[in-house]
Amino acid sequence: MKPYEYLLVEADAPIAVMTMNRPDRRNALSLALMEELIDCFRALSEKQDIRAIILAANGPAFQRDMI
């Protein structure tokens, strides 16, 4: 999977975790982040071994440690 500027991806079948990585902006959806999310969702949907995707974020908003 290609690297992203604002998105961290961990795919460990059957689950993938997409972590938004713009903590300085409280993970607000910029056009660039939205394009990365769309691209990553498409790429992960093509993987037969991925059954679920968790969307998380770094920083004080929408924290991953709440999962």
PDB file of N, CA and C in Angstrom:
ATOM      1  N   MET A   1       0.846  -1.170   0.000  1.00  0.00           N
ATOM      2  CA  MET A   1       0.000   0.000   0.000  1.00  0.00           C
ATOM      3  C   MET A   1       0.892   1.235   0.000  1.00  0.00           C
ATOM      4  N   LYS A   2       0.516   2.237  -0.760  1.00  0.00           N
ATOM      5  CA  LYS A   2       1.358   3.421  -0.879  1.00  0.00           C
ATOM      6  C   LYS A   2       1.317   4.257   0.401  1.00  0.00           C
ATOM      7  N   PRO A   3       2.371   5.026   0.651  1.00  0.00           N
ATOM      8  CA  PRO A   3       2.373   5.886   1.846  1.00  0.00           C
ATOM      9  C   PRO A   3       1.466   7.100   1.643  1.00  0.00           C
ATOM     10  N   TYR A   4       0.891   7.560   2.736  1.00  0.00           N
ATOM     11  CA  TYR A   4       0.018   8.729   2.705  1.00  0.00           C
ATOM     12  C   TYR A   4       0.616   9.826   3.573  1.00  0.00           C
ATOM     13  N   GLU A   5       0.280  11.061   3.279  1.00  0.00           N
ATOM     14  CA  GLU A   5       0.792  12.188   4.040  1.00  0.00           C
ATOM     15  C   GLU A   5       0.038  12.383   5.357  1.00  0.00           C
ATOM     16  N   TYR A   6      -1.283  12.211   5.335  1.00  0.00           N
ATOM     17  CA  TYR A   6      -2.118  12.492   6.501  1.00  0.00           C
ATOM     18  C   TYR A   6      -2.825  11.267   7.062  1.00  0.00           C
ATOM     19  N   LEU A   7      -2.434  10.093   6.616  1.00  0.00           N
ATOM     20  CA  LEU A   7      -3.135   8.880   6.998  1.00  0.00           C
ATOM     21  C   LEU A   7      -2.128   7.768   7.271  1.00  0.00           C
ATOM     22  N   LEU A   8      -2.294   7.113   8.427  1.00  0.00           N
ATOM     23  CA  LEU A   8      -1.475   5.951   8.771  1.00  0.00           C
ATOM     24  C   LEU A   8      -2.347   4.718   8.620  1.00  0.00           C
ATOM     25  N   VAL A   9      -1.806   3.666   8.019  1.00  0.00           N
ATOM     26  CA  VAL A   9      -2.600   2.468   7.745  1.00  0.00           C
ATOM     27  C   VAL A   9      -1.886   1.236   8.283  1.00  0.00           C
ATOM     28  N   GLU A  10      -2.628   0.438   9.047  1.00  0.00           N
ATOM     29  CA  GLU A  10      -2.153  -0.857   9.532  1.00  0.00           C
ATOM     30  C   GLU A  10      -3.161  -1.901   9.068  1.00  0.00           C
ATOM     31  N   ALA A  11      -2.715  -2.835   8.271  1.00  0.00           N
ATOM     32  CA  ALA A  11      -3.610  -3.898   7.782  1.00  0.00           C
ATOM     33  C   ALA A  11      -3.099  -5.232   8.290  1.00  0.00           C
ATOM     34  N   ASP A  12      -3.814  -5.785   9.244  1.00  0.00           N
ATOM     35  CA  ASP A  12      -3.485  -7.088   9.814  1.00  0.00           C
ATOM     36  C   ASP A  12      -4.766  -7.911   9.735  1.00  0.00           C
ATOM     37  N   ALA A  13      -4.885  -8.682   8.672  1.00  0.00           N
ATOM     38  CA  ALA A  13      -6.125  -9.401   8.375  1.00  0.00           C
ATOM     39  C   ALA A  13      -6.679 -10.092   9.607  1.00  0.00           C
ATOM     40  N   PRO A  14      -7.941 -10.003   9.827  1.00  0.00           N
ATOM     41  CA  PRO A  14      -8.985  -9.509   8.942  1.00  0.00           C
ATOM     42  C   PRO A  14      -9.370  -8.044   9.180  1.00  0.00           C
ATOM     43  N   ILE A  15      -8.541  -7.309   9.975  1.00  0.00           N
ATOM     44  CA  ILE A  15      -8.895  -5.933  10.324  1.00  0.00           C
ATOM     45  C   ILE A  15      -7.824  -4.968   9.830  1.00  0.00           C
ATOM     46  N   ALA A  16      -8.268  -3.807   9.339  1.00  0.00           N
ATOM     47  CA  ALA A  16      -7.365  -2.721   8.977  1.00  0.00           C
ATOM     48  C   ALA A  16      -7.733  -1.515   9.843  1.00  0.00           C
ATOM     49  N   VAL A  17      -6.718  -0.761  10.237  1.00  0.00           N
ATOM     50  CA  VAL A  17      -6.942   0.459  11.007  1.00  0.00           C
ATOM     51  C   VAL A  17      -6.381   1.621  10.201  1.00  0.00           C
ATOM     52  N   MET A  18      -7.242   2.587   9.905  1.00  0.00           N
ATOM     53  CA  MET A  18      -6.837   3.817   9.221  1.00  0.00           C
ATOM     54  C   MET A  18      -6.847   4.913  10.283  1.00  0.00           C
ATOM     55  N   THR A  19      -5.681   5.542  10.498  1.00  0.00           N
ATOM     56  CA  THR A  19      -5.560   6.571  11.522  1.00  0.00           C
ATOM     57  C   THR A  19      -5.294   7.915  10.871  1.00  0.00           C
ATOM     58  N   MET A  20      -6.232   8.843  11.042  1.00  0.00           N
ATOM     59  CA  MET A  20      -6.025  10.196  10.529  1.00  0.00           C
ATOM     60  C   MET A  20      -4.924  10.836  11.364  1.00  0.00           C
ATOM     61  N   ASN A  21      -3.978  11.499  10.696  1.00  0.00           N
ATOM     62  CA  ASN A  21      -2.793  11.995  11.377  1.00  0.00           C
ATOM     63  C   ASN A  21      -2.592  13.490  11.128  1.00  0.00           C
ATOM     64  N   ARG A  22      -3.566  14.280  11.582  1.00  0.00           N
ATOM     65  CA  ARG A  22      -3.460  15.741  11.536  1.00  0.00           C
ATOM     66  C   ARG A  22      -3.819  16.300  12.918  1.00  0.00           C
ATOM     67  N   PRO A  23      -3.081  15.893  13.975  1.00  0.00           N
ATOM     68  CA  PRO A  23      -3.459  16.312  15.322  1.00  0.00           C
ATOM     69  C   PRO A  23      -3.403  17.823  15.527  1.00  0.00           C
ATOM     70  N   ASP A  24      -2.520  18.504  14.798  1.00  0.00           N
ATOM     71  CA  ASP A  24      -2.425  19.954  14.922  1.00  0.00           C
ATOM     72  C   ASP A  24      -3.688  20.656  14.427  1.00  0.00           C
ATOM     73  N   ARG A  25      -4.463  19.982  13.594  1.00  0.00           N
ATOM     74  CA  ARG A  25      -5.728  20.514  13.071  1.00  0.00           C
ATOM     75  C   ARG A  25      -6.925  19.754  13.617  1.00  0.00           C
ATOM     76  N   ARG A  26      -6.685  19.004  14.701  1.00  0.00           N
ATOM     77  CA  ARG A  26      -7.723  18.192  15.340  1.00  0.00           C
ATOM     78  C   ARG A  26      -8.385  17.243  14.337  1.00  0.00           C
ATOM     79  N   ASN A  27      -7.577  16.819  13.350  1.00  0.00           N
ATOM     80  CA  ASN A  27      -7.989  15.859  12.325  1.00  0.00           C
ATOM     81  C   ASN A  27      -9.175  16.334  11.484  1.00  0.00           C
ATOM     82  N   ALA A  28      -9.232  17.644  11.266  1.00  0.00           N
ATOM     83  CA  ALA A  28     -10.264  18.203  10.392  1.00  0.00           C
ATOM     84  C   ALA A  28     -10.076  17.658   8.981  1.00  0.00           C
ATOM     85  N   LEU A  29     -11.177  17.437   8.298  1.00  0.00           N
ATOM     86  CA  LEU A  29     -11.122  16.864   6.950  1.00  0.00           C
ATOM     87  C   LEU A  29     -10.774  17.928   5.921  1.00  0.00           C
ATOM     88  N   SER A  30      -9.522  17.922   5.499  1.00  0.00           N
ATOM     89  CA  SER A  30      -9.094  18.770   4.390  1.00  0.00           C
ATOM     90  C   SER A  30      -9.350  18.011   3.094  1.00  0.00           C
ATOM     91  N   LEU A  31      -9.246  18.694   1.978  1.00  0.00           N
ATOM     92  CA  LEU A  31      -9.416  18.026   0.686  1.00  0.00           C
ATOM     93  C   LEU A  31      -8.374  16.918   0.522  1.00  0.00           C
ATOM     94  N   ALA A  32      -7.142  17.199   0.920  1.00  0.00           N
ATOM     95  CA  ALA A  32      -6.074  16.198   0.794  1.00  0.00           C
ATOM     96  C   ALA A  32      -6.365  14.964   1.652  1.00  0.00           C
ATOM     97  N   LEU A  33      -6.814  15.167   2.886  1.00  0.00           N
ATOM     98  CA  LEU A  33      -7.129  14.029   3.754  1.00  0.00           C
ATOM     99  C   LEU A  33      -8.313  13.242   3.212  1.00  0.00           C
ATOM    100  N   MET A  34      -9.329  13.927   2.724  1.00  0.00           N
ATOM    101  CA  MET A  34     -10.485  13.224   2.151  1.00  0.00           C
ATOM    102  C   MET A  34     -10.079  12.384   0.948  1.00  0.00           C
ATOM    103  N   GLU A  35      -9.194  12.920   0.102  1.00  0.00           N
ATOM    104  CA  GLU A  35      -8.731  12.152  -1.061  1.00  0.00           C
ATOM    105  C   GLU A  35      -7.954  10.924  -0.619  1.00  0.00           C
ATOM    106  N   GLU A  36      -7.128  11.064   0.429  1.00  0.00           N
ATOM    107  CA  GLU A  36      -6.387   9.917   0.946  1.00  0.00           C
ATOM    108  C   GLU A  36      -7.335   8.872   1.542  1.00  0.00           C
ATOM    109  N   LEU A  37      -8.345   9.311   2.273  1.00  0.00           N
ATOM    110  CA  LEU A  37      -9.322   8.382   2.841  1.00  0.00           C
ATOM    111  C   LEU A  37     -10.033   7.600   1.738  1.00  0.00           C
ATOM    112  N   ILE A  38     -10.485   8.290   0.715  1.00  0.00           N
ATOM    113  CA  ILE A  38     -11.179   7.630  -0.397  1.00  0.00           C
ATOM    114  C   ILE A  38     -10.257   6.620  -1.070  1.00  0.00           C
ATOM    115  N   ASP A  39      -9.019   7.025  -1.337  1.00  0.00           N
ATOM    116  CA  ASP A  39      -8.068   6.129  -1.992  1.00  0.00           C
ATOM    117  C   ASP A  39      -7.792   4.897  -1.136  1.00  0.00           C
ATOM    118  N   CYS A  40      -7.618   5.102   0.156  1.00  0.00           N
ATOM    119  CA  CYS A  40      -7.318   3.989   1.047  1.00  0.00           C
ATOM    120  C   CYS A  40      -8.516   3.052   1.200  1.00  0.00           C
ATOM    121  N   PHE A  41      -9.724   3.605   1.351  1.00  0.00           N
ATOM    122  CA  PHE A  41     -10.918   2.754   1.417  1.00  0.00           C
ATOM    123  C   PHE A  41     -11.034   1.897   0.152  1.00  0.00           C
ATOM    124  N   ARG A  42     -10.770   2.495  -0.997  1.00  0.00           N
ATOM    125  CA  ARG A  42     -10.831   1.724  -2.255  1.00  0.00           C
ATOM    126  C   ARG A  42      -9.787   0.621  -2.267  1.00  0.00           C
ATOM    127  N   ALA A  43      -8.559   0.961  -1.876  1.00  0.00           N
ATOM    128  CA  ALA A  43      -7.476  -0.036  -1.884  1.00  0.00           C
ATOM    129  C   ALA A  43      -7.779  -1.177  -0.915  1.00  0.00           C
ATOM    130  N   LEU A  44      -8.255  -0.848   0.278  1.00  0.00           N
ATOM    131  CA  LEU A  44      -8.555  -1.892   1.259  1.00  0.00           C
ATOM    132  C   LEU A  44      -9.760  -2.738   0.845  1.00  0.00           C
ATOM    133  N   SER A  45     -10.717  -2.137   0.137  1.00  0.00           N
ATOM    134  CA  SER A  45     -11.893  -2.901  -0.284  1.00  0.00           C
ATOM    135  C   SER A  45     -11.541  -3.964  -1.319  1.00  0.00           C
ATOM    136  N   GLU A  46     -10.410  -3.806  -1.985  1.00  0.00           N
ATOM    137  CA  GLU A  46      -9.970  -4.783  -2.977  1.00  0.00           C
ATOM    138  C   GLU A  46      -9.249  -5.968  -2.343  1.00  0.00           C
ATOM    139  N   LYS A  47      -8.888  -5.851  -1.082  1.00  0.00           N
ATOM    140  CA  LYS A  47      -8.177  -6.935  -0.399  1.00  0.00           C
ATOM    141  C   LYS A  47      -9.194  -7.939   0.158  1.00  0.00           C
ATOM    142  N   GLN A  48      -9.109  -9.168  -0.305  1.00  0.00           N
ATOM    143  CA  GLN A  48     -10.052 -10.208   0.084  1.00  0.00           C
ATOM    144  C   GLN A  48      -9.952 -10.574   1.562  1.00  0.00           C
ATOM    145  N   ASP A  49      -8.772 -10.378   2.170  1.00  0.00           N
ATOM    146  CA  ASP A  49      -8.582 -10.798   3.560  1.00  0.00           C
ATOM    147  C   ASP A  49      -8.986  -9.734   4.580  1.00  0.00           C
ATOM    148  N   ILE A  50      -9.293  -8.522   4.143  1.00  0.00           N
ATOM    149  CA  ILE A  50      -9.738  -7.465   5.058  1.00  0.00           C
ATOM    150  C   ILE A  50     -11.255  -7.512   5.163  1.00  0.00           C
ATOM    151  N   ARG A  51     -11.751  -7.702   6.383  1.00  0.00           N
ATOM    152  CA  ARG A  51     -13.201  -7.829   6.608  1.00  0.00           C
ATOM    153  C   ARG A  51     -13.792  -6.621   7.326  1.00  0.00           C
ATOM    154  N   ALA A  52     -12.927  -5.819   8.001  1.00  0.00           N
ATOM    155  CA  ALA A  52     -13.406  -4.644   8.733  1.00  0.00           C
ATOM    156  C   ALA A  52     -12.341  -3.565   8.709  1.00  0.00           C
ATOM    157  N   ILE A  53     -12.794  -2.305   8.717  1.00  0.00           N
ATOM    158  CA  ILE A  53     -11.888  -1.167   8.752  1.00  0.00           C
ATOM    159  C   ILE A  53     -12.293  -0.288   9.924  1.00  0.00           C
ATOM    160  N   ILE A  54     -11.320   0.029  10.770  1.00  0.00           N
ATOM    161  CA  ILE A  54     -11.539   0.935  11.892  1.00  0.00           C
ATOM    162  C   ILE A  54     -10.941   2.283  11.516  1.00  0.00           C
ATOM    163  N   LEU A  55     -11.718   3.349  11.664  1.00  0.00           N
ATOM    164  CA  LEU A  55     -11.232   4.694  11.402  1.00  0.00           C
ATOM    165  C   LEU A  55     -10.946   5.358  12.742  1.00  0.00           C
ATOM    166  N   ALA A  56      -9.696   5.783  12.929  1.00  0.00           N
ATOM    167  CA  ALA A  56      -9.268   6.388  14.186  1.00  0.00           C
ATOM    168  C   ALA A  56      -8.501   7.674  13.867  1.00  0.00           C
ATOM    169  N   ALA A  57      -7.990   8.336  14.919  1.00  0.00           N
ATOM    170  CA  ALA A  57      -7.242   9.570  14.718  1.00  0.00           C
ATOM    171  C   ALA A  57      -6.223   9.771  15.819  1.00  0.00           C
ATOM    172  N   ASN A  58      -5.114  10.432  15.477  1.00  0.00           N
ATOM    173  CA  ASN A  58      -4.104  10.823  16.454  1.00  0.00           C
ATOM    174  C   ASN A  58      -4.466  12.174  17.038  1.00  0.00           C
ATOM    175  N   GLY A  59      -4.032  12.422  18.264  1.00  0.00           N
ATOM    176  CA  GLY A  59      -4.250  13.717  18.886  1.00  0.00           C
ATOM    177  C   GLY A  59      -5.464  13.742  19.792  1.00  0.00           C
ATOM    178  N   PRO A  60      -5.847  14.940  20.239  1.00  0.00           N
ATOM    179  CA  PRO A  60      -6.894  15.072  21.253  1.00  0.00           C
ATOM    180  C   PRO A  60      -8.323  14.858  20.746  1.00  0.00           C
ATOM    181  N   ALA A  61      -8.531  14.912  19.457  1.00  0.00           N
ATOM    182  CA  ALA A  61      -9.879  14.731  18.910  1.00  0.00           C
ATOM    183  C   ALA A  61      -9.997  13.363  18.246  1.00  0.00           C
ATOM    184  N   PHE A  62     -11.093  12.622  18.551  1.00  0.00           N
ATOM    185  CA  PHE A  62     -11.380  11.349  17.900  1.00  0.00           C
ATOM    186  C   PHE A  62     -10.235  10.373  18.144  1.00  0.00           C
ATOM    187  N   GLN A  63      -9.888  10.180  19.396  1.00  0.00           N
ATOM    188  CA  GLN A  63      -8.708   9.429  19.783  1.00  0.00           C
ATOM    189  C   GLN A  63      -8.839   7.937  19.557  1.00  0.00           C
ATOM    190  N   ARG A  64      -7.740   7.325  19.161  1.00  0.00           N
ATOM    191  CA  ARG A  64      -7.688   5.891  18.921  1.00  0.00           C
ATOM    192  C   ARG A  64      -7.763   5.102  20.215  1.00  0.00           C
ATOM    193  N   ASP A  65      -7.239   5.643  21.315  1.00  0.00           N
ATOM    194  CA  ASP A  65      -7.222   4.881  22.554  1.00  0.00           C
ATOM    195  C   ASP A  65      -8.601   4.716  23.164  1.00  0.00           C
ATOM    196  N   MET A  66      -9.617   5.293  22.555  1.00  0.00           N
ATOM    197  CA  MET A  66     -10.986   5.132  23.013  1.00  0.00           C
ATOM    198  C   MET A  66     -11.607   3.850  22.471  1.00  0.00           C
ATOM    199  N   ILE A  67     -10.927   3.196  21.526  1.00  0.00           N
ATOM    200  CA  ILE A  67     -11.456   1.980  20.904  1.00  0.00           C
ATOM    201  C   ILE A  67     -11.273   0.814  21.850  1.00  0.00           C
TER     202      ILE A  67
END
